[in-house]
Amino acid sequence: MSQIKAKYSVAPCMQEDRTLMFCVSDGDMIGYVFTKNRCISIQFWTAYSSKYKADIELEKAINSFSRENNETPMRRGGMTSFTKGNGVGVTFSVMKYNSTDYVRQIFQAY
């Protein structure tokens, strides 16, 4: 966690036991999730002005990722996941946080 914090010239906008979030001036965020002091997930949160716009951009992101990686996604519970054979999963979803709608893209080791 300390190595990630040292790479940024600003303090995290949110820090909890296992999570660091850095905010960007346009409302976007990047988050890191840790287990046993090791980063297991990187999350990119892209802000949109409405859930409608976020939903449209979510579908574009899913279709683009599917096409570029020649993979079929698995959809469940409002989340769309891709599991690559290299130990990394990618998940897309729309989230609401502090009254803002985000498209969240998660890269996570499994």
PDB file of N, CA and C in Angstrom:
ATOM      1  N   MET A   1       0.817  -1.183   0.000  1.00  0.00           N
ATOM      2  CA  MET A   1       0.000   0.000   0.000  1.00  0.00           C
ATOM      3  C   MET A   1       0.870   1.260   0.000  1.00  0.00           C
ATOM      4  N   SER A   2       1.927   1.223   0.760  1.00  0.00           N
ATOM      5  CA  SER A   2       2.813   2.396   0.829  1.00  0.00           C
ATOM      6  C   SER A   2       3.494   2.664  -0.512  1.00  0.00           C
ATOM      7  N   GLN A   3       3.806   1.633  -1.280  1.00  0.00           N
ATOM      8  CA  GLN A   3       4.417   1.819  -2.600  1.00  0.00           C
ATOM      9  C   GLN A   3       3.455   2.515  -3.552  1.00  0.00           C
ATOM     10  N   ILE A   4       2.185   2.144  -3.509  1.00  0.00           N
ATOM     11  CA  ILE A   4       1.178   2.787  -4.368  1.00  0.00           C
ATOM     12  C   ILE A   4       1.027   4.250  -3.960  1.00  0.00           C
ATOM     13  N   LYS A   5       0.907   4.519  -2.662  1.00  0.00           N
ATOM     14  CA  LYS A   5       0.754   5.889  -2.187  1.00  0.00           C
ATOM     15  C   LYS A   5       1.937   6.756  -2.608  1.00  0.00           C
ATOM     16  N   ALA A   6       3.124   6.175  -2.622  1.00  0.00           N
ATOM     17  CA  ALA A   6       4.329   6.928  -2.980  1.00  0.00           C
ATOM     18  C   ALA A   6       4.354   7.314  -4.465  1.00  0.00           C
ATOM     19  N   LYS A   7       3.620   6.606  -5.305  1.00  0.00           N
ATOM     20  CA  LYS A   7       3.598   6.899  -6.740  1.00  0.00           C
ATOM     21  C   LYS A   7       2.728   8.097  -7.089  1.00  0.00           C
ATOM     22  N   TYR A   8       1.870   8.522  -6.168  1.00  0.00           N
ATOM     23  CA  TYR A   8       0.969   9.645  -6.412  1.00  0.00           C
ATOM     24  C   TYR A   8       1.474  10.885  -5.702  1.00  0.00           C
ATOM     25  N   SER A   9       1.253  12.042  -6.324  1.00  0.00           N
ATOM     26  CA  SER A   9       1.671  13.300  -5.711  1.00  0.00           C
ATOM     27  C   SER A   9       0.568  13.898  -4.838  1.00  0.00           C
ATOM     28  N   VAL A  10      -0.571  13.208  -4.749  1.00  0.00           N
ATOM     29  CA  VAL A  10      -1.687  13.652  -3.911  1.00  0.00           C
ATOM     30  C   VAL A  10      -2.057  12.538  -2.934  1.00  0.00           C
ATOM     31  N   ALA A  11      -2.728  12.926  -1.877  1.00  0.00           N
ATOM     32  CA  ALA A  11      -3.202  11.941  -0.896  1.00  0.00           C
ATOM     33  C   ALA A  11      -4.447  11.240  -1.447  1.00  0.00           C
ATOM     34  N   PRO A  12      -4.689  10.020  -1.034  1.00  0.00           N
ATOM     35  CA  PRO A  12      -5.910   9.345  -1.473  1.00  0.00           C
ATOM     36  C   PRO A  12      -7.151  10.099  -0.986  1.00  0.00           C
ATOM     37  N   CYS A  13      -8.218  10.073  -1.795  1.00  0.00           N
ATOM     38  CA  CYS A  13      -9.452  10.733  -1.367  1.00  0.00           C
ATOM     39  C   CYS A  13     -10.258   9.831  -0.452  1.00  0.00           C
ATOM     40  N   MET A  14      -9.904   8.547  -0.420  1.00  0.00           N
ATOM     41  CA  MET A  14     -10.519   7.618   0.521  1.00  0.00           C
ATOM     42  C   MET A  14      -9.503   6.536   0.850  1.00  0.00           C
ATOM     43  N   GLN A  15      -9.413   6.203   2.115  1.00  0.00           N
ATOM     44  CA  GLN A  15      -8.538   5.123   2.536  1.00  0.00           C
ATOM     45  C   GLN A  15      -9.221   4.348   3.647  1.00  0.00           C
ATOM     46  N   GLU A  16      -9.341   3.048   3.459  1.00  0.00           N
ATOM     47  CA  GLU A  16      -9.879   2.151   4.470  1.00  0.00           C
ATOM     48  C   GLU A  16      -8.841   1.061   4.700  1.00  0.00           C
ATOM     49  N   ASP A  17      -9.169   0.089   5.515  1.00  0.00           N
ATOM     50  CA  ASP A  17      -8.214  -0.968   5.849  1.00  0.00           C
ATOM     51  C   ASP A  17      -7.580  -1.618   4.622  1.00  0.00           C
ATOM     52  N   ARG A  18      -8.401  -1.953   3.647  1.00  0.00           N
ATOM     53  CA  ARG A  18      -7.918  -2.703   2.478  1.00  0.00           C
ATOM     54  C   ARG A  18      -8.000  -1.924   1.176  1.00  0.00           C
ATOM     55  N   THR A  19      -8.460  -0.674   1.205  1.00  0.00           N
ATOM     56  CA  THR A  19      -8.754   0.060  -0.024  1.00  0.00           C
ATOM     57  C   THR A  19      -8.121   1.444  -0.038  1.00  0.00           C
ATOM     58  N   LEU A  20      -7.565   1.812  -1.180  1.00  0.00           N
ATOM     59  CA  LEU A  20      -7.097   3.177  -1.453  1.00  0.00           C
ATOM     60  C   LEU A  20      -7.844   3.667  -2.683  1.00  0.00           C
ATOM     61  N   MET A  21      -8.377   4.885  -2.646  1.00  0.00           N
ATOM     62  CA  MET A  21      -9.025   5.493  -3.807  1.00  0.00           C
ATOM     63  C   MET A  21      -8.383   6.854  -4.051  1.00  0.00           C
ATOM     64  N   PHE A  22      -8.048   7.100  -5.306  1.00  0.00           N
ATOM     65  CA  PHE A  22      -7.520   8.391  -5.711  1.00  0.00           C
ATOM     66  C   PHE A  22      -8.524   9.038  -6.654  1.00  0.00           C
ATOM     67  N   CYS A  23      -8.847  10.305  -6.401  1.00  0.00           N
ATOM     68  CA  CYS A  23      -9.837  11.026  -7.187  1.00  0.00           C
ATOM     69  C   CYS A  23      -9.148  11.941  -8.196  1.00  0.00           C
ATOM     70  N   VAL A  24      -9.790  12.066  -9.347  1.00  0.00           N
ATOM     71  CA  VAL A  24      -9.291  12.917 -10.420  1.00  0.00           C
ATOM     72  C   VAL A  24     -10.222  14.122 -10.505  1.00  0.00           C
ATOM     73  N   SER A  25      -9.731  15.249 -10.977  1.00  0.00           N
ATOM     74  CA  SER A  25     -10.517  16.477 -10.986  1.00  0.00           C
ATOM     75  C   SER A  25     -11.793  16.374 -11.813  1.00  0.00           C
ATOM     76  N   ASP A  26     -11.846  15.476 -12.800  1.00  0.00           N
ATOM     77  CA  ASP A  26     -13.066  15.351 -13.612  1.00  0.00           C
ATOM     78  C   ASP A  26     -14.096  14.420 -12.977  1.00  0.00           C
ATOM     79  N   GLY A  27     -13.831  13.925 -11.763  1.00  0.00           N
ATOM     80  CA  GLY A  27     -14.773  13.063 -11.063  1.00  0.00           C
ATOM     81  C   GLY A  27     -14.454  11.584 -11.148  1.00  0.00           C
ATOM     82  N   ASP A  28     -13.545  11.204 -12.035  1.00  0.00           N
ATOM     83  CA  ASP A  28     -13.147   9.802 -12.143  1.00  0.00           C
ATOM     84  C   ASP A  28     -12.320   9.406 -10.929  1.00  0.00           C
ATOM     85  N   MET A  29     -12.217   8.094 -10.701  1.00  0.00           N
ATOM     86  CA  MET A  29     -11.430   7.594  -9.563  1.00  0.00           C
ATOM     87  C   MET A  29     -10.682   6.330  -9.997  1.00  0.00           C
ATOM     88  N   ILE A  30      -9.590   6.066  -9.298  1.00  0.00           N
ATOM     89  CA  ILE A  30      -8.878   4.807  -9.454  1.00  0.00           C
ATOM     90  C   ILE A  30      -8.695   4.227  -8.052  1.00  0.00           C
ATOM     91  N   GLY A  31      -9.007   2.949  -7.909  1.00  0.00           N
ATOM     92  CA  GLY A  31      -8.942   2.322  -6.607  1.00  0.00           C
ATOM     93  C   GLY A  31      -8.061   1.090  -6.606  1.00  0.00           C
ATOM     94  N   TYR A  32      -7.502   0.807  -5.457  1.00  0.00           N
ATOM     95  CA  TYR A  32      -6.653  -0.362  -5.257  1.00  0.00           C
ATOM     96  C   TYR A  32      -7.178  -1.114  -4.041  1.00  0.00           C
ATOM     97  N   VAL A  33      -7.304  -2.434  -4.171  1.00  0.00           N
ATOM     98  CA  VAL A  33      -7.756  -3.270  -3.060  1.00  0.00           C
ATOM     99  C   VAL A  33      -6.624  -4.219  -2.699  1.00  0.00           C
ATOM    100  N   PHE A  34      -6.385  -4.359  -1.400  1.00  0.00           N
ATOM    101  CA  PHE A  34      -5.244  -5.134  -0.910  1.00  0.00           C
ATOM    102  C   PHE A  34      -5.698  -6.294  -0.033  1.00  0.00           C
ATOM    103  N   THR A  35      -4.934  -7.364  -0.071  1.00  0.00           N
ATOM    104  CA  THR A  35      -5.056  -8.480   0.861  1.00  0.00           C
ATOM    105  C   THR A  35      -3.653  -8.827   1.311  1.00  0.00           C
ATOM    106  N   LYS A  36      -3.455  -8.852   2.616  1.00  0.00           N
ATOM    107  CA  LYS A  36      -2.137  -9.144   3.195  1.00  0.00           C
ATOM    108  C   LYS A  36      -1.044  -8.263   2.581  1.00  0.00           C
ATOM    109  N   ASN A  37      -1.342  -6.965   2.492  1.00  0.00           N
ATOM    110  CA  ASN A  37      -0.413  -5.953   1.994  1.00  0.00           C
ATOM    111  C   ASN A  37      -0.003  -6.171   0.531  1.00  0.00           C
ATOM    112  N   ARG A  38      -0.830  -6.870  -0.213  1.00  0.00           N
ATOM    113  CA  ARG A  38      -0.563  -7.126  -1.633  1.00  0.00           C
ATOM    114  C   ARG A  38      -1.771  -6.665  -2.446  1.00  0.00           C
ATOM    115  N   CYS A  39      -1.528  -5.910  -3.507  1.00  0.00           N
ATOM    116  CA  CYS A  39      -2.616  -5.413  -4.348  1.00  0.00           C
ATOM    117  C   CYS A  39      -3.202  -6.577  -5.157  1.00  0.00           C
ATOM    118  N   ILE A  40      -4.504  -6.805  -4.977  1.00  0.00           N
ATOM    119  CA  ILE A  40      -5.166  -7.894  -5.707  1.00  0.00           C
ATOM    120  C   ILE A  40      -6.167  -7.373  -6.734  1.00  0.00           C
ATOM    121  N   SER A  41      -6.446  -6.071  -6.700  1.00  0.00           N
ATOM    122  CA  SER A  41      -7.447  -5.517  -7.597  1.00  0.00           C
ATOM    123  C   SER A  41      -7.159  -4.053  -7.874  1.00  0.00           C
ATOM    124  N   ILE A  42      -7.320  -3.678  -9.154  1.00  0.00           N
ATOM    125  CA  ILE A  42      -7.259  -2.276  -9.562  1.00  0.00           C
ATOM    126  C   ILE A  42      -8.599  -1.954 -10.197  1.00  0.00           C
ATOM    127  N   GLN A  43      -9.194  -0.842  -9.764  1.00  0.00           N
ATOM    128  CA  GLN A  43     -10.519  -0.470 -10.242  1.00  0.00           C
ATOM    129  C   GLN A  43     -10.478   0.924 -10.859  1.00  0.00           C
ATOM    130  N   PHE A  44     -11.065   1.017 -12.041  1.00  0.00           N
ATOM    131  CA  PHE A  44     -11.180   2.302 -12.732  1.00  0.00           C
ATOM    132  C   PHE A  44     -12.645   2.715 -12.701  1.00  0.00           C
ATOM    133  N   TRP A  45     -12.933   3.879 -12.132  1.00  0.00           N
ATOM    134  CA  TRP A  45     -14.296   4.394 -12.009  1.00  0.00           C
ATOM    135  C   TRP A  45     -14.404   5.627 -12.907  1.00  0.00           C
ATOM    136  N   THR A  46     -15.262   5.568 -13.916  1.00  0.00           N
ATOM    137  CA  THR A  46     -15.457   6.681 -14.841  1.00  0.00           C
ATOM    138  C   THR A  46     -16.823   7.295 -14.565  1.00  0.00           C
ATOM    139  N   ALA A  47     -16.837   8.591 -14.256  1.00  0.00           N
ATOM    140  CA  ALA A  47     -18.064   9.290 -13.856  1.00  0.00           C
ATOM    141  C   ALA A  47     -18.890   9.700 -15.070  1.00  0.00           C
ATOM    142  N   TYR A  48     -20.234   9.613 -14.906  1.00  0.00           N
ATOM    143  CA  TYR A  48     -21.178  10.057 -15.927  1.00  0.00           C
ATOM    144  C   TYR A  48     -22.262  10.895 -15.266  1.00  0.00           C
ATOM    145  N   SER A  49     -22.906  11.729 -16.061  1.00  0.00           N
ATOM    146  CA  SER A  49     -23.901  12.659 -15.517  1.00  0.00           C
ATOM    147  C   SER A  49     -25.241  11.995 -15.209  1.00  0.00           C
ATOM    148  N   SER A  50     -25.451  10.761 -15.682  1.00  0.00           N
ATOM    149  CA  SER A  50     -26.703  10.062 -15.381  1.00  0.00           C
ATOM    150  C   SER A  50     -26.487   8.552 -15.490  1.00  0.00           C
ATOM    151  N   LYS A  51     -27.389   7.811 -14.894  1.00  0.00           N
ATOM    152  CA  LYS A  51     -27.334   6.351 -14.998  1.00  0.00           C
ATOM    153  C   LYS A  51     -27.553   5.918 -16.441  1.00  0.00           C
ATOM    154  N   TYR A  52     -28.420   6.617 -17.149  1.00  0.00           N
ATOM    155  CA  TYR A  52     -28.684   6.317 -18.555  1.00  0.00           C
ATOM    156  C   TYR A  52     -27.391   6.377 -19.373  1.00  0.00           C
ATOM    157  N   LYS A  53     -26.622   7.455 -19.208  1.00  0.00           N
ATOM    158  CA  LYS A  53     -25.355   7.598 -19.942  1.00  0.00           C
ATOM    159  C   LYS A  53     -24.351   6.534 -19.508  1.00  0.00           C
ATOM    160  N   ALA A  54     -24.313   6.246 -18.213  1.00  0.00           N
ATOM    161  CA  ALA A  54     -23.398   5.216 -17.708  1.00  0.00           C
ATOM    162  C   ALA A  54     -23.757   3.855 -18.292  1.00  0.00           C
ATOM    163  N   ASP A  55     -25.051   3.533 -18.364  1.00  0.00           N
ATOM    164  CA  ASP A  55     -25.481   2.254 -18.937  1.00  0.00           C
ATOM    165  C   ASP A  55     -25.079   2.124 -20.402  1.00  0.00           C
ATOM    166  N   ILE A  56     -25.220   3.205 -21.168  1.00  0.00           N
ATOM    167  CA  ILE A  56     -24.815   3.185 -22.582  1.00  0.00           C
ATOM    168  C   ILE A  56     -23.315   2.947 -22.698  1.00  0.00           C
ATOM    169  N   GLU A  57     -22.523   3.661 -21.911  1.00  0.00           N
ATOM    170  CA  GLU A  57     -21.063   3.514 -21.967  1.00  0.00           C
ATOM    171  C   GLU A  57     -20.620   2.147 -21.455  1.00  0.00           C
ATOM    172  N   LEU A  58     -21.352   1.595 -20.495  1.00  0.00           N
ATOM    173  CA  LEU A  58     -21.048   0.250 -20.012  1.00  0.00           C
ATOM    174  C   LEU A  58     -21.151  -0.759 -21.144  1.00  0.00           C
ATOM    175  N   GLU A  59     -22.237  -0.724 -21.889  1.00  0.00           N
ATOM    176  CA  GLU A  59     -22.414  -1.670 -23.003  1.00  0.00           C
ATOM    177  C   GLU A  59     -21.335  -1.490 -24.063  1.00  0.00           C
ATOM    178  N   LYS A  60     -20.956  -0.252 -24.345  1.00  0.00           N
ATOM    179  CA  LYS A  60     -19.873   0.002 -25.304  1.00  0.00           C
ATOM    180  C   LYS A  60     -18.565  -0.615 -24.811  1.00  0.00           C
ATOM    181  N   ALA A  61     -18.264  -0.436 -23.524  1.00  0.00           N
ATOM    182  CA  ALA A  61     -17.023  -0.964 -22.948  1.00  0.00           C
ATOM    183  C   ALA A  61     -17.013  -2.491 -22.985  1.00  0.00           C
ATOM    184  N   ILE A  62     -18.137  -3.114 -22.639  1.00  0.00           N
ATOM    185  CA  ILE A  62     -18.233  -4.572 -22.655  1.00  0.00           C
ATOM    186  C   ILE A  62     -18.047  -5.100 -24.077  1.00  0.00           C
ATOM    187  N   ASN A  63     -18.746  -4.509 -25.030  1.00  0.00           N
ATOM    188  CA  ASN A  63     -18.645  -4.967 -26.420  1.00  0.00           C
ATOM    189  C   ASN A  63     -17.237  -4.788 -26.965  1.00  0.00           C
ATOM    190  N   SER A  64     -16.607  -3.676 -26.653  1.00  0.00           N
ATOM    191  CA  SER A  64     -15.246  -3.414 -27.112  1.00  0.00           C
ATOM    192  C   SER A  64     -14.264  -4.426 -26.520  1.00  0.00           C
ATOM    193  N   PHE A  65     -14.369  -4.665 -25.208  1.00  0.00           N
ATOM    194  CA  PHE A  65     -13.466  -5.614 -24.557  1.00  0.00           C
ATOM    195  C   PHE A  65     -13.671  -7.018 -25.115  1.00  0.00           C
ATOM    196  N   SER A  66     -14.931  -7.397 -25.310  1.00  0.00           N
ATOM    197  CA  SER A  66     -15.255  -8.718 -25.847  1.00  0.00           C
ATOM    198  C   SER A  66     -14.651  -8.906 -27.244  1.00  0.00           C
ATOM    199  N   ARG A  67     -14.810  -7.901 -28.083  1.00  0.00           N
ATOM    200  CA  ARG A  67     -14.286  -7.943 -29.456  1.00  0.00           C
ATOM    201  C   ARG A  67     -12.759  -7.986 -29.464  1.00  0.00           C
ATOM    202  N   GLU A  68     -12.124  -7.119 -28.690  1.00  0.00           N
ATOM    203  CA  GLU A  68     -10.660  -7.035 -28.671  1.00  0.00           C
ATOM    204  C   GLU A  68     -10.003  -8.306 -28.134  1.00  0.00           C
ATOM    205  N   ASN A  69     -10.678  -8.984 -27.207  1.00  0.00           N
ATOM    206  CA  ASN A  69     -10.089 -10.168 -26.574  1.00  0.00           C
ATOM    207  C   ASN A  69     -10.714 -11.474 -27.039  1.00  0.00           C
ATOM    208  N   ASN A  70     -11.650 -11.373 -27.988  1.00  0.00           N
ATOM    209  CA  ASN A  70     -12.314 -12.546 -28.541  1.00  0.00           C
ATOM    210  C   ASN A  70     -12.865 -13.445 -27.437  1.00  0.00           C
ATOM    211  N   GLU A  71     -13.594 -12.837 -26.506  1.00  0.00           N
ATOM    212  CA  GLU A  71     -14.162 -13.564 -25.365  1.00  0.00           C
ATOM    213  C   GLU A  71     -15.648 -13.284 -25.237  1.00  0.00           C
ATOM    214  N   THR A  72     -16.354 -14.256 -24.708  1.00  0.00           N
ATOM    215  CA  THR A  72     -17.772 -14.107 -24.399  1.00  0.00           C
ATOM    216  C   THR A  72     -17.907 -13.830 -22.908  1.00  0.00           C
ATOM    217  N   PRO A  73     -18.616 -12.773 -22.545  1.00  0.00           N
ATOM    218  CA  PRO A  73     -18.737 -12.437 -21.125  1.00  0.00           C
ATOM    219  C   PRO A  73     -19.757 -13.309 -20.403  1.00  0.00           C
ATOM    220  N   MET A  74     -19.635 -13.317 -19.089  1.00  0.00           N
ATOM    221  CA  MET A  74     -20.609 -13.960 -18.218  1.00  0.00           C
ATOM    222  C   MET A  74     -21.317 -12.830 -17.469  1.00  0.00           C
ATOM    223  N   ARG A  75     -22.646 -12.812 -17.537  1.00  0.00           N
ATOM    224  CA  ARG A  75     -23.422 -11.747 -16.890  1.00  0.00           C
ATOM    225  C   ARG A  75     -24.184 -12.318 -15.701  1.00  0.00           C
ATOM    226  N   ARG A  76     -24.078 -11.597 -14.562  1.00  0.00           N
ATOM    227  CA  ARG A  76     -24.798 -12.032 -13.373  1.00  0.00           C
ATOM    228  C   ARG A  76     -24.882 -10.880 -12.379  1.00  0.00           C
ATOM    229  N   GLY A  77     -26.081 -10.664 -11.854  1.00  0.00           N
ATOM    230  CA  GLY A  77     -26.273  -9.665 -10.807  1.00  0.00           C
ATOM    231  C   GLY A  77     -25.869  -8.261 -11.188  1.00  0.00           C
ATOM    232  N   GLY A  78     -26.093  -7.864 -12.428  1.00  0.00           N
ATOM    233  CA  GLY A  78     -25.729  -6.519 -12.872  1.00  0.00           C
ATOM    234  C   GLY A  78     -24.255  -6.343 -13.172  1.00  0.00           C
ATOM    235  N   MET A  79     -23.498  -7.426 -13.125  1.00  0.00           N
ATOM    236  CA  MET A  79     -22.064  -7.367 -13.417  1.00  0.00           C
ATOM    237  C   MET A  79     -21.766  -8.249 -14.626  1.00  0.00           C
ATOM    238  N   THR A  80     -20.806  -7.840 -15.408  1.00  0.00           N
ATOM    239  CA  THR A  80     -20.362  -8.597 -16.568  1.00  0.00           C
ATOM    240  C   THR A  80     -18.895  -8.918 -16.378  1.00  0.00           C
ATOM    241  N   SER A  81     -18.552 -10.210 -16.442  1.00  0.00           N
ATOM    242  CA  SER A  81     -17.181 -10.641 -16.155  1.00  0.00           C
ATOM    243  C   SER A  81     -16.571 -11.399 -17.321  1.00  0.00           C
ATOM    244  N   PHE A  82     -15.285 -11.223 -17.443  1.00  0.00           N
ATOM    245  CA  PHE A  82     -14.458 -11.975 -18.379  1.00  0.00           C
ATOM    246  C   PHE A  82     -13.376 -12.648 -17.541  1.00  0.00           C
ATOM    247  N   THR A  83     -13.146 -13.918 -17.767  1.00  0.00           N
ATOM    248  CA  THR A  83     -12.108 -14.628 -17.033  1.00  0.00           C
ATOM    249  C   THR A  83     -11.077 -15.124 -18.025  1.00  0.00           C
ATOM    250  N   LYS A  84      -9.899 -14.586 -17.912  1.00  0.00           N
ATOM    251  CA  LYS A  84      -8.815 -15.005 -18.796  1.00  0.00           C
ATOM    252  C   LYS A  84      -8.044 -16.129 -18.115  1.00  0.00           C
ATOM    253  N   GLY A  85      -7.414 -16.973 -18.891  1.00  0.00           N
ATOM    254  CA  GLY A  85      -6.667 -18.092 -18.353  1.00  0.00           C
ATOM    255  C   GLY A  85      -5.373 -17.721 -17.661  1.00  0.00           C
ATOM    256  N   ASN A  86      -5.038 -16.452 -17.625  1.00  0.00           N
ATOM    257  CA  ASN A  86      -3.760 -16.022 -17.042  1.00  0.00           C
ATOM    258  C   ASN A  86      -3.879 -15.578 -15.586  1.00  0.00           C
ATOM    259  N   GLY A  87      -5.007 -15.905 -14.930  1.00  0.00           N
ATOM    260  CA  GLY A  87      -5.157 -15.555 -13.523  1.00  0.00           C
ATOM    261  C   GLY A  87      -5.688 -14.173 -13.257  1.00  0.00           C
ATOM    262  N   VAL A  88      -6.214 -13.499 -14.296  1.00  0.00           N
ATOM    263  CA  VAL A  88      -6.776 -12.165 -14.129  1.00  0.00           C
ATOM    264  C   VAL A  88      -8.210 -12.163 -14.648  1.00  0.00           C
ATOM    265  N   GLY A  89      -9.116 -11.656 -13.824  1.00  0.00           N
ATOM    266  CA  GLY A  89     -10.498 -11.487 -14.239  1.00  0.00           C
ATOM    267  C   GLY A  89     -10.790 -10.016 -14.431  1.00  0.00           C
ATOM    268  N   VAL A  90     -11.702  -9.710 -15.365  1.00  0.00           N
ATOM    269  CA  VAL A  90     -12.094  -8.327 -15.622  1.00  0.00           C
ATOM    270  C   VAL A  90     -13.609  -8.260 -15.471  1.00  0.00           C
ATOM    271  N   THR A  91     -14.080  -7.310 -14.666  1.00  0.00           N
ATOM    272  CA  THR A  91     -15.509  -7.157 -14.412  1.00  0.00           C
ATOM    273  C   THR A  91     -15.928  -5.720 -14.699  1.00  0.00           C
ATOM    274  N   PHE A  92     -17.084  -5.577 -15.333  1.00  0.00           N
ATOM    275  CA  PHE A  92     -17.666  -4.277 -15.645  1.00  0.00           C
ATOM    276  C   PHE A  92     -19.007  -4.154 -14.936  1.00  0.00           C
ATOM    277  N   SER A  93     -19.322  -2.957 -14.442  1.00  0.00           N
ATOM    278  CA  SER A  93     -20.632  -2.704 -13.845  1.00  0.00           C
ATOM    279  C   SER A  93     -20.869  -1.199 -13.761  1.00  0.00           C
ATOM    280  N   VAL A  94     -22.122  -0.846 -13.493  1.00  0.00           N
ATOM    281  CA  VAL A  94     -22.468   0.546 -13.206  1.00  0.00           C
ATOM    282  C   VAL A  94     -22.706   0.631 -11.707  1.00  0.00           C
ATOM    283  N   MET A  95     -22.107   1.636 -11.079  1.00  0.00           N
ATOM    284  CA  MET A  95     -22.222   1.827  -9.630  1.00  0.00           C
ATOM    285  C   MET A  95     -22.630   3.277  -9.349  1.00  0.00           C
ATOM    286  N   LYS A  96     -23.346   3.474  -8.267  1.00  0.00           N
ATOM    287  CA  LYS A  96     -23.651   4.820  -7.790  1.00  0.00           C
ATOM    288  C   LYS A  96     -22.849   5.029  -6.513  1.00  0.00           C
ATOM    289  N   TYR A  97     -22.125   6.138  -6.447  1.00  0.00           N
ATOM    290  CA  TYR A  97     -21.315   6.454  -5.275  1.00  0.00           C
ATOM    291  C   TYR A  97     -21.380   7.959  -5.062  1.00  0.00           C
ATOM    292  N   ASN A  98     -21.769   8.377  -3.888  1.00  0.00           N
ATOM    293  CA  ASN A  98     -21.891   9.807  -3.570  1.00  0.00           C
ATOM    294  C   ASN A  98     -22.697  10.563  -4.632  1.00  0.00           C
ATOM    295  N   SER A  99     -23.839  10.027  -5.012  1.00  0.00           N
ATOM    296  CA  SER A  99     -24.776  10.636  -5.968  1.00  0.00           C
ATOM    297  C   SER A  99     -24.248  10.719  -7.397  1.00  0.00           C
ATOM    298  N   THR A 100     -23.176  10.046  -7.709  1.00  0.00           N
ATOM    299  CA  THR A 100     -22.631  10.036  -9.070  1.00  0.00           C
ATOM    300  C   THR A 100     -22.708   8.614  -9.615  1.00  0.00           C
ATOM    301  N   ASP A 101     -23.066   8.503 -10.891  1.00  0.00           N
ATOM    302  CA  ASP A 101     -23.101   7.204 -11.559  1.00  0.00           C
ATOM    303  C   ASP A 101     -21.765   6.965 -12.249  1.00  0.00           C
ATOM    304  N   TYR A 102     -21.234   5.766 -12.043  1.00  0.00           N
ATOM    305  CA  TYR A 102     -19.922   5.403 -12.582  1.00  0.00           C
ATOM    306  C   TYR A 102     -20.006   4.107 -13.369  1.00  0.00           C
ATOM    307  N   VAL A 103     -19.165   4.008 -14.407  1.00  0.00           N
ATOM    308  CA  VAL A 103     -18.853   2.710 -14.995  1.00  0.00           C
ATOM    309  C   VAL A 103     -17.588   2.272 -14.283  1.00  0.00           C
ATOM    310  N   ARG A 104     -17.667   1.100 -13.665  1.00  0.00           N
ATOM    311  CA  ARG A 104     -16.526   0.569 -12.907  1.00  0.00           C
ATOM    312  C   ARG A 104     -15.954  -0.624 -13.659  1.00  0.00           C
ATOM    313  N   GLN A 105     -14.659  -0.572 -13.887  1.00  0.00           N
ATOM    314  CA  GLN A 105     -13.942  -1.673 -14.526  1.00  0.00           C
ATOM    315  C   GLN A 105     -12.918  -2.188 -13.522  1.00  0.00           C
ATOM    316  N   ILE A 106     -13.017  -3.477 -13.189  1.00  0.00           N
ATOM    317  CA  ILE A 106     -12.157  -4.085 -12.173  1.00  0.00           C
ATOM    318  C   ILE A 106     -11.237  -5.110 -12.818  1.00  0.00           C
ATOM    319  N   PHE A 107      -9.964  -4.995 -12.560  1.00  0.00           N
ATOM    320  CA  PHE A 107      -8.987  -6.025 -12.934  1.00  0.00           C
ATOM    321  C   PHE A 107      -8.574  -6.693 -11.631  1.00  0.00           C
ATOM    322  N   GLN A 108      -8.811  -7.994 -11.527  1.00  0.00           N
ATOM    323  CA  GLN A 108      -8.551  -8.670 -10.253  1.00  0.00           C
ATOM    324  C   GLN A 108      -7.863 -10.000 -10.471  1.00  0.00           C
ATOM    325  N   ALA A 109      -6.870 -10.259  -9.626  1.00  0.00           N
ATOM    326  CA  ALA A 109      -6.185 -11.549  -9.638  1.00  0.00           C
ATOM    327  C   ALA A 109      -7.095 -12.582  -8.995  1.00  0.00           C
ATOM    328  N   TYR A 110      -7.054 -13.797  -9.523  1.00  0.00           N
ATOM    329  CA  TYR A 110      -7.822 -14.892  -8.900  1.00  0.00           C
ATOM    330  C   TYR A 110      -6.983 -16.121  -8.778  1.00  0.00           C
TER     331      TYR A 110
END
